[in-house]
Amino acid sequence: MNGWEPRQQQRQNGSSNGGRLIQMIVGGILVIVFISIIANSCSDRSSQWGSSAVAWSQSESSSGQDSSSSLAPNTVPWDYQIVEGTVGDLIGGDMTVLPGNELLPNDDNYATGDKIWTLQFMGAVMNTGDDNRASITLTAWKAIKSFKSQEAAESDMAKLKLSLKTDVDLVGVYKTSYEGQTRDFAVLTLPSGQQVKQPIDDARYDRLKSEKQAAVILEEVHDYSNYDLAYAKFRGWAD
């Protein structure tokens, strides 16, 4: 019995040490797996936050875009004209128009030397004072479109400049005298709300002095890129 006891104890100790080693290995593997799971979770969460930030930034950028109008603030369409010109240099998809070397898109595949007609635009910067009278600064003429014929250009311009007969509010009429001469004037309120003063003769003075409205001819000028934007100008009396 005494001969077997040490061997049995050694075997038990060996088995115990082997079991502990296996437990340590298994425990280490579990720790590594646990750390890997946590790392992947953090990586996914970081990726999600990054994507959200990018999407938010793009959304802000998109909503912050503002479409610019063709005219600066306080600027109204004032007039159009048709000018004959000659195609000059071809620059990429554009062309210069002589004699002023204005640059326009070459939409109709013109060649150098071709005769064309351009539609030109003039705007007016309007500032209204406390007395409801407008201070007007006219812009330079600017070519905006080209045509192969004068008839086509005139047809297009006719849609932008309209002649209308209508009644407008009459502020009143008055007389002034200077060095023995008398002058008569009528003050009208245009559809824009601005007031204009026009010289009149004695006969019209007598007809209008008791009236609240007057029949007039207006020229309604529309913006070429925003047709709803228009400005009406006095062009004469309708009676």
C-alpha atoms as a PDB file:
ATOM      1  CA  MET A   1       0.000   0.000   0.000  1.00  0.00           C
ATOM      2  CA  ASN A   2       2.795   2.411   0.862  1.00  0.00           C
ATOM      3  CA  GLY A   3       4.418   1.732  -2.509  1.00  0.00           C
ATOM      4  CA  TRP A   4       1.321   2.690  -4.411  1.00  0.00           C
ATOM      5  CA  GLU A   5       0.370   5.828  -2.518  1.00  0.00           C
ATOM      6  CA  PRO A   6       3.158   8.159  -3.805  1.00  0.00           C
ATOM      7  CA  ARG A   7       2.528   7.149  -7.392  1.00  0.00           C
ATOM      8  CA  GLN A   8      -1.189   7.709  -7.025  1.00  0.00           C
ATOM      9  CA  GLN A   9      -0.572  11.118  -5.460  1.00  0.00           C
ATOM     10  CA  GLN A  10       1.801  12.055  -8.279  1.00  0.00           C
ATOM     11  CA  ARG A  11      -0.811  11.063 -10.836  1.00  0.00           C
ATOM     12  CA  GLN A  12      -3.430  13.164  -9.044  1.00  0.00           C
ATOM     13  CA  ASN A  13      -1.078  16.155  -8.920  1.00  0.00           C
ATOM     14  CA  GLY A  14      -0.292  15.766 -12.626  1.00  0.00           C
ATOM     15  CA  SER A  15      -3.943  15.591 -13.521  1.00  0.00           C
ATOM     16  CA  SER A  16      -4.636  18.681 -11.412  1.00  0.00           C
ATOM     17  CA  ASN A  17      -1.847  20.665 -13.104  1.00  0.00           C
ATOM     18  CA  GLY A  18      -3.045  19.608 -16.556  1.00  0.00           C
ATOM     19  CA  GLY A  19      -6.593  20.690 -15.760  1.00  0.00           C
ATOM     20  CA  ARG A  20      -5.400  24.083 -14.594  1.00  0.00           C
ATOM     21  CA  LEU A  21      -3.375  24.532 -17.786  1.00  0.00           C
ATOM     22  CA  ILE A  22      -6.405  23.712 -19.931  1.00  0.00           C
ATOM     23  CA  GLN A  23      -8.541  26.130 -17.917  1.00  0.00           C
ATOM     24  CA  MET A  24      -5.952  28.868 -18.409  1.00  0.00           C
ATOM     25  CA  ILE A  25      -5.823  28.250 -22.171  1.00  0.00           C
ATOM     26  CA  VAL A  26      -9.613  28.232 -22.488  1.00  0.00           C
ATOM     27  CA  GLY A  27      -9.858  31.348 -20.341  1.00  0.00           C
ATOM     28  CA  GLY A  28      -7.277  33.126 -22.500  1.00  0.00           C
ATOM     29  CA  ILE A  29      -9.171  32.222 -25.659  1.00  0.00           C
ATOM     30  CA  LEU A  30     -12.415  33.535 -24.158  1.00  0.00           C
ATOM     31  CA  VAL A  31     -10.713  36.802 -23.191  1.00  0.00           C
ATOM     32  CA  ILE A  32      -9.332  37.229 -26.722  1.00  0.00           C
ATOM     33  CA  VAL A  33     -12.757  36.516 -28.254  1.00  0.00           C
ATOM     34  CA  PHE A  34     -14.424  38.971 -25.854  1.00  0.00           C
ATOM     35  CA  ILE A  35     -11.889  41.714 -26.672  1.00  0.00           C
ATOM     36  CA  SER A  36     -12.368  41.083 -30.407  1.00  0.00           C
ATOM     37  CA  ILE A  37     -16.164  41.417 -30.086  1.00  0.00           C
ATOM     38  CA  ILE A  38     -15.829  44.704 -28.190  1.00  0.00           C
ATOM     39  CA  ALA A  39     -13.357  46.070 -30.761  1.00  0.00           C
ATOM     40  CA  ASN A  40     -15.653  45.213 -33.679  1.00  0.00           C
ATOM     41  CA  SER A  41     -18.617  46.784 -31.910  1.00  0.00           C
ATOM     42  CA  CYS A  42     -16.706  50.017 -31.319  1.00  0.00           C
ATOM     43  CA  SER A  43     -15.521  50.046 -34.922  1.00  0.00           C
ATOM     44  CA  ASP A  44     -19.078  49.634 -36.262  1.00  0.00           C
ATOM     45  CA  ARG A  45     -20.384  52.334 -33.949  1.00  0.00           C
ATOM     46  CA  SER A  46     -17.614  54.692 -35.010  1.00  0.00           C
ATOM     47  CA  SER A  47     -18.397  53.979 -38.658  1.00  0.00           C
ATOM     48  CA  GLN A  48     -22.080  54.702 -38.073  1.00  0.00           C
ATOM     49  CA  TRP A  49     -21.300  58.016 -36.392  1.00  0.00           C
ATOM     50  CA  GLY A  50     -18.964  58.929 -39.245  1.00  0.00           C
ATOM     51  CA  SER A  51     -21.613  58.174 -41.873  1.00  0.00           C
ATOM     52  CA  SER A  52     -24.191  60.183 -39.960  1.00  0.00           C
ATOM     53  CA  ALA A  53     -21.877  63.183 -39.779  1.00  0.00           C
ATOM     54  CA  VAL A  54     -21.180  63.054 -43.512  1.00  0.00           C
ATOM     55  CA  ALA A  55     -24.872  62.786 -44.353  1.00  0.00           C
ATOM     56  CA  TRP A  56     -25.683  65.734 -42.080  1.00  0.00           C
ATOM     57  CA  SER A  57     -22.961  67.820 -43.651  1.00  0.00           C
ATOM     58  CA  GLN A  58     -24.203  67.021 -47.150  1.00  0.00           C
ATOM     59  CA  SER A  59     -27.769  67.812 -46.122  1.00  0.00           C
ATOM     60  CA  GLU A  60     -26.717  71.198 -44.761  1.00  0.00           C
ATOM     61  CA  SER A  61     -24.715  71.927 -47.895  1.00  0.00           C
ATOM     62  CA  SER A  62     -27.625  71.009 -50.151  1.00  0.00           C
ATOM     63  CA  SER A  63     -30.174  73.052 -48.227  1.00  0.00           C
ATOM     64  CA  GLY A  64     -27.823  76.018 -48.100  1.00  0.00           C
ATOM     65  CA  GLN A  65     -27.664  76.386 -51.861  1.00  0.00           C
ATOM     66  CA  ASP A  66     -29.455  79.443 -53.174  1.00  0.00           C
ATOM     67  CA  SER A  67     -30.486  79.985 -56.742  1.00  0.00           C
ATOM     68  CA  SER A  68     -29.365  83.353 -57.931  1.00  0.00           C
ATOM     69  CA  SER A  69     -31.725  85.496 -59.951  1.00  0.00           C
ATOM     70  CA  SER A  70     -30.786  87.146 -63.200  1.00  0.00           C
ATOM     71  CA  LEU A  71     -31.149  90.635 -61.737  1.00  0.00           C
ATOM     72  CA  ALA A  72     -29.532  92.242 -58.724  1.00  0.00           C
ATOM     73  CA  PRO A  73     -31.726  93.450 -55.836  1.00  0.00           C
ATOM     74  CA  ASN A  74     -33.809  96.581 -56.621  1.00  0.00           C
ATOM     75  CA  THR A  75     -33.204  96.023 -60.353  1.00  0.00           C
ATOM     76  CA  VAL A  76     -36.109  95.803 -62.795  1.00  0.00           C
ATOM     77  CA  PRO A  77     -36.218  95.068 -66.534  1.00  0.00           C
ATOM     78  CA  TRP A  78     -36.133  98.397 -68.363  1.00  0.00           C
ATOM     79  CA  ASP A  79     -35.769  97.886 -72.104  1.00  0.00           C
ATOM     80  CA  TYR A  80     -34.731  95.622 -74.988  1.00  0.00           C
ATOM     81  CA  GLN A  81     -33.234  96.342 -78.375  1.00  0.00           C
ATOM     82  CA  ILE A  82     -32.155  94.378 -81.455  1.00  0.00           C
ATOM     83  CA  VAL A  83     -28.675  94.947 -82.861  1.00  0.00           C
ATOM     84  CA  GLU A  84     -27.180  93.553 -86.057  1.00  0.00           C
ATOM     85  CA  GLY A  85     -23.707  92.069 -85.689  1.00  0.00           C
ATOM     86  CA  THR A  86     -21.115  89.730 -87.136  1.00  0.00           C
ATOM     87  CA  VAL A  87     -19.712  86.554 -85.633  1.00  0.00           C
ATOM     88  CA  GLY A  88     -16.063  87.038 -84.729  1.00  0.00           C
ATOM     89  CA  ASP A  89     -13.854  84.510 -82.968  1.00  0.00           C
ATOM     90  CA  LEU A  90     -15.061  81.048 -81.961  1.00  0.00           C
ATOM     91  CA  ILE A  91     -13.935  80.229 -78.429  1.00  0.00           C
ATOM     92  CA  GLY A  92     -14.877  76.716 -77.365  1.00  0.00           C
ATOM     93  CA  GLY A  93     -18.665  76.596 -77.459  1.00  0.00           C
ATOM     94  CA  ASP A  94     -18.913  80.401 -77.431  1.00  0.00           C
ATOM     95  CA  MET A  95     -18.454  83.171 -79.976  1.00  0.00           C
ATOM     96  CA  THR A  96     -17.644  86.848 -79.974  1.00  0.00           C
ATOM     97  CA  VAL A  97     -20.041  89.259 -81.656  1.00  0.00           C
ATOM     98  CA  LEU A  98     -18.500  92.184 -83.522  1.00  0.00           C
ATOM     99  CA  PRO A  99     -18.025  95.075 -83.327  1.00  0.00           C
ATOM    100  CA  GLY A 100     -18.253  95.023 -79.518  1.00  0.00           C
ATOM    101  CA  ASN A 101     -16.618  91.603 -78.958  1.00  0.00           C
ATOM    102  CA  GLU A 102     -19.465  90.512 -76.706  1.00  0.00           C
ATOM    103  CA  LEU A 103     -19.307  86.837 -75.747  1.00  0.00           C
ATOM    104  CA  LEU A 104     -22.371  84.663 -76.396  1.00  0.00           C
ATOM    105  CA  PRO A 105     -23.014  80.905 -76.580  1.00  0.00           C
ATOM    106  CA  ASN A 106     -22.740  79.617 -80.146  1.00  0.00           C
ATOM    107  CA  ASP A 107     -25.958  77.607 -79.890  1.00  0.00           C
ATOM    108  CA  ASP A 108     -26.773  77.723 -83.624  1.00  0.00           C
ATOM    109  CA  ASN A 109     -23.313  76.633 -84.829  1.00  0.00           C
ATOM    110  CA  TYR A 110     -22.445  79.962 -86.455  1.00  0.00           C
ATOM    111  CA  ALA A 111     -19.225  80.397 -88.405  1.00  0.00           C
ATOM    112  CA  THR A 112     -16.884  83.364 -88.303  1.00  0.00           C
ATOM    113  CA  GLY A 113     -18.235  86.111 -90.547  1.00  0.00           C
ATOM    114  CA  ASP A 114     -21.923  85.120 -90.286  1.00  0.00           C
ATOM    115  CA  LYS A 115     -24.456  87.933 -89.939  1.00  0.00           C
ATOM    116  CA  ILE A 116     -26.614  87.637 -86.830  1.00  0.00           C
ATOM    117  CA  TRP A 117     -29.012  89.725 -84.765  1.00  0.00           C
ATOM    118  CA  THR A 118     -28.714  89.924 -80.994  1.00  0.00           C
ATOM    119  CA  LEU A 119     -31.359  90.734 -78.419  1.00  0.00           C
ATOM    120  CA  GLN A 120     -29.894  93.153 -75.888  1.00  0.00           C
ATOM    121  CA  PHE A 121     -31.182  93.910 -72.412  1.00  0.00           C
ATOM    122  CA  MET A 122     -31.025  96.971 -70.157  1.00  0.00           C
ATOM    123  CA  GLY A 123     -31.990  96.990 -66.477  1.00  0.00           C
ATOM    124  CA  ALA A 124     -32.742  99.812 -64.070  1.00  0.00           C
ATOM    125  CA  VAL A 125     -31.671 100.021 -60.435  1.00  0.00           C
ATOM    126  CA  MET A 126     -34.598 101.585 -58.577  1.00  0.00           C
ATOM    127  CA  ASN A 127     -34.360 103.365 -55.243  1.00  0.00           C
ATOM    128  CA  THR A 128     -37.498 104.997 -53.861  1.00  0.00           C
ATOM    129  CA  GLY A 129     -37.258 107.962 -51.513  1.00  0.00           C
ATOM    130  CA  ASP A 130     -39.552 109.025 -48.706  1.00  0.00           C
ATOM    131  CA  ASP A 131     -41.516 111.163 -51.171  1.00  0.00           C
ATOM    132  CA  ASN A 132     -42.302 108.001 -53.203  1.00  0.00           C
ATOM    133  CA  ARG A 133     -40.234 109.270 -56.127  1.00  0.00           C
ATOM    134  CA  ALA A 134     -37.799 106.885 -57.765  1.00  0.00           C
ATOM    135  CA  SER A 135     -34.107 107.423 -58.320  1.00  0.00           C
ATOM    136  CA  ILE A 136     -33.177 105.404 -61.414  1.00  0.00           C
ATOM    137  CA  THR A 137     -29.751 104.202 -62.555  1.00  0.00           C
ATOM    138  CA  LEU A 138     -29.685 102.433 -65.919  1.00  0.00           C
ATOM    139  CA  THR A 139     -27.370  99.510 -66.586  1.00  0.00           C
ATOM    140  CA  ALA A 140     -25.307  99.049 -69.747  1.00  0.00           C
ATOM    141  CA  TRP A 141     -26.761  97.157 -72.691  1.00  0.00           C
ATOM    142  CA  LYS A 142     -26.031  93.424 -72.543  1.00  0.00           C
ATOM    143  CA  ALA A 143     -26.467  90.914 -75.379  1.00  0.00           C
ATOM    144  CA  ILE A 144     -28.435  87.918 -74.118  1.00  0.00           C
ATOM    145  CA  LYS A 145     -29.470  85.926 -77.209  1.00  0.00           C
ATOM    146  CA  SER A 146     -28.630  85.567 -80.898  1.00  0.00           C
ATOM    147  CA  PHE A 147     -30.884  85.033 -83.920  1.00  0.00           C
ATOM    148  CA  LYS A 148     -30.351  84.117 -87.555  1.00  0.00           C
ATOM    149  CA  SER A 149     -32.868  86.713 -88.768  1.00  0.00           C
ATOM    150  CA  GLN A 150     -34.172  90.093 -87.684  1.00  0.00           C
ATOM    151  CA  GLU A 151     -37.751  88.804 -87.891  1.00  0.00           C
ATOM    152  CA  ALA A 152     -37.052  86.045 -85.356  1.00  0.00           C
ATOM    153  CA  ALA A 153     -35.436  88.543 -82.997  1.00  0.00           C
ATOM    154  CA  GLU A 154     -38.365  90.961 -83.259  1.00  0.00           C
ATOM    155  CA  SER A 155     -40.842  88.145 -82.627  1.00  0.00           C
ATOM    156  CA  ASP A 156     -39.018  87.193 -79.433  1.00  0.00           C
ATOM    157  CA  MET A 157     -38.779  90.792 -78.238  1.00  0.00           C
ATOM    158  CA  ALA A 158     -42.510  91.327 -78.828  1.00  0.00           C
ATOM    159  CA  LYS A 159     -43.192  88.784 -76.079  1.00  0.00           C
ATOM    160  CA  LEU A 160     -41.043  90.735 -73.618  1.00  0.00           C
ATOM    161  CA  LYS A 161     -42.355  94.258 -74.323  1.00  0.00           C
ATOM    162  CA  LEU A 162     -46.141  94.596 -74.217  1.00  0.00           C
ATOM    163  CA  SER A 163     -48.288  97.675 -74.894  1.00  0.00           C
ATOM    164  CA  LEU A 164     -51.317  97.919 -72.602  1.00  0.00           C
ATOM    165  CA  LYS A 165     -54.233 100.294 -72.199  1.00  0.00           C
ATOM    166  CA  THR A 166     -55.442 100.621 -68.625  1.00  0.00           C
ATOM    167  CA  ASP A 167     -56.652 103.021 -65.948  1.00  0.00           C
ATOM    168  CA  VAL A 168     -54.241 104.187 -63.252  1.00  0.00           C
ATOM    169  CA  ASP A 169     -54.761 106.270 -60.143  1.00  0.00           C
ATOM    170  CA  LEU A 170     -54.542 110.008 -60.653  1.00  0.00           C
ATOM    171  CA  VAL A 171     -52.902 111.753 -57.718  1.00  0.00           C
ATOM    172  CA  GLY A 172     -53.918 115.143 -59.108  1.00  0.00           C
ATOM    173  CA  VAL A 173     -53.167 117.980 -61.517  1.00  0.00           C
ATOM    174  CA  TYR A 174     -51.596 121.344 -60.823  1.00  0.00           C
ATOM    175  CA  LYS A 175     -50.345 124.532 -62.482  1.00  0.00           C
ATOM    176  CA  THR A 176     -47.059 126.384 -62.135  1.00  0.00           C
ATOM    177  CA  SER A 177     -46.199 129.881 -63.321  1.00  0.00           C
ATOM    178  CA  TYR A 178     -42.770 131.274 -64.160  1.00  0.00           C
ATOM    179  CA  GLU A 179     -41.981 134.578 -65.860  1.00  0.00           C
ATOM    180  CA  GLY A 180     -45.520 134.913 -67.127  1.00  0.00           C
ATOM    181  CA  GLN A 181     -45.719 131.364 -68.504  1.00  0.00           C
ATOM    182  CA  THR A 182     -48.057 128.744 -67.057  1.00  0.00           C
ATOM    183  CA  ARG A 183     -47.408 125.012 -67.176  1.00  0.00           C
ATOM    184  CA  ASP A 184     -49.800 122.180 -66.328  1.00  0.00           C
ATOM    185  CA  PHE A 185     -48.833 118.789 -64.875  1.00  0.00           C
ATOM    186  CA  ALA A 186     -50.535 115.525 -63.944  1.00  0.00           C
ATOM    187  CA  VAL A 187     -49.198 113.132 -61.300  1.00  0.00           C
ATOM    188  CA  LEU A 188     -49.988 109.436 -61.820  1.00  0.00           C
ATOM    189  CA  THR A 189     -49.425 106.320 -59.711  1.00  0.00           C
ATOM    190  CA  LEU A 190     -48.109 103.412 -61.794  1.00  0.00           C
ATOM    191  CA  PRO A 191     -48.900  99.751 -61.035  1.00  0.00           C
ATOM    192  CA  SER A 192     -45.469  99.503 -59.372  1.00  0.00           C
ATOM    193  CA  GLY A 193     -46.617 102.058 -56.797  1.00  0.00           C
ATOM    194  CA  GLN A 194     -44.243 104.746 -58.031  1.00  0.00           C
ATOM    195  CA  GLN A 195     -45.472 108.166 -59.045  1.00  0.00           C
ATOM    196  CA  VAL A 196     -44.654 109.920 -62.307  1.00  0.00           C
ATOM    197  CA  LYS A 197     -45.246 113.514 -63.364  1.00  0.00           C
ATOM    198  CA  GLN A 198     -46.262 114.320 -66.939  1.00  0.00           C
ATOM    199  CA  PRO A 199     -46.771 117.712 -68.618  1.00  0.00           C
ATOM    200  CA  ILE A 200     -50.309 118.219 -69.965  1.00  0.00           C
ATOM    201  CA  ASP A 201     -52.118 120.917 -71.907  1.00  0.00           C
ATOM    202  CA  ASP A 202     -54.944 123.099 -70.628  1.00  0.00           C
ATOM    203  CA  ALA A 203     -57.629 120.922 -72.207  1.00  0.00           C
ATOM    204  CA  ARG A 204     -56.402 117.762 -70.447  1.00  0.00           C
ATOM    205  CA  TYR A 205     -55.989 119.727 -67.226  1.00  0.00           C
ATOM    206  CA  ASP A 206     -59.657 120.679 -67.335  1.00  0.00           C
ATOM    207  CA  ARG A 207     -60.701 117.071 -68.047  1.00  0.00           C
ATOM    208  CA  LEU A 208     -58.596 115.531 -65.297  1.00  0.00           C
ATOM    209  CA  LYS A 209     -58.925 118.052 -62.475  1.00  0.00           C
ATOM    210  CA  SER A 210     -62.037 116.354 -61.071  1.00  0.00           C
ATOM    211  CA  GLU A 211     -61.041 112.734 -61.899  1.00  0.00           C
ATOM    212  CA  LYS A 212     -59.595 110.042 -59.640  1.00  0.00           C
ATOM    213  CA  GLN A 213     -58.241 107.869 -62.456  1.00  0.00           C
ATOM    214  CA  ALA A 214     -56.854 108.388 -65.948  1.00  0.00           C
ATOM    215  CA  ALA A 215     -56.719 106.166 -69.044  1.00  0.00           C
ATOM    216  CA  VAL A 216     -53.112 105.626 -70.110  1.00  0.00           C
ATOM    217  CA  ILE A 217     -50.909 103.468 -72.334  1.00  0.00           C
ATOM    218  CA  LEU A 218     -48.282 101.453 -70.479  1.00  0.00           C
ATOM    219  CA  GLU A 219     -45.299  99.518 -71.769  1.00  0.00           C
ATOM    220  CA  GLU A 220     -44.869  96.383 -69.675  1.00  0.00           C
ATOM    221  CA  VAL A 221     -41.290  95.086 -69.822  1.00  0.00           C
ATOM    222  CA  HIS A 222     -40.685  91.504 -68.658  1.00  0.00           C
ATOM    223  CA  ASP A 223     -37.461  89.936 -67.469  1.00  0.00           C
ATOM    224  CA  TYR A 224     -36.135  87.442 -70.032  1.00  0.00           C
ATOM    225  CA  SER A 225     -35.242  84.753 -67.451  1.00  0.00           C
ATOM    226  CA  ASN A 226     -38.094  85.383 -64.992  1.00  0.00           C
ATOM    227  CA  TYR A 227     -41.159  86.399 -66.962  1.00  0.00           C
ATOM    228  CA  ASP A 228     -43.225  87.112 -63.853  1.00  0.00           C
ATOM    229  CA  LEU A 229     -40.861  89.971 -63.016  1.00  0.00           C
ATOM    230  CA  ALA A 230     -42.075  93.000 -64.977  1.00  0.00           C
ATOM    231  CA  TYR A 231     -41.994  96.782 -64.856  1.00  0.00           C
ATOM    232  CA  ALA A 232     -44.610  99.090 -66.396  1.00  0.00           C
ATOM    233  CA  LYS A 233     -43.659 102.471 -67.867  1.00  0.00           C
ATOM    234  CA  PHE A 234     -45.892 105.341 -68.933  1.00  0.00           C
ATOM    235  CA  ARG A 235     -46.081 105.622 -72.726  1.00  0.00           C
ATOM    236  CA  GLY A 236     -48.909 108.099 -73.293  1.00  0.00           C
ATOM    237  CA  TRP A 237     -52.563 108.902 -72.806  1.00  0.00           C
ATOM    238  CA  ALA A 238     -55.206 106.455 -73.987  1.00  0.00           C
ATOM    239  CA  ASP A 239     -57.852 109.126 -74.786  1.00  0.00           C
END
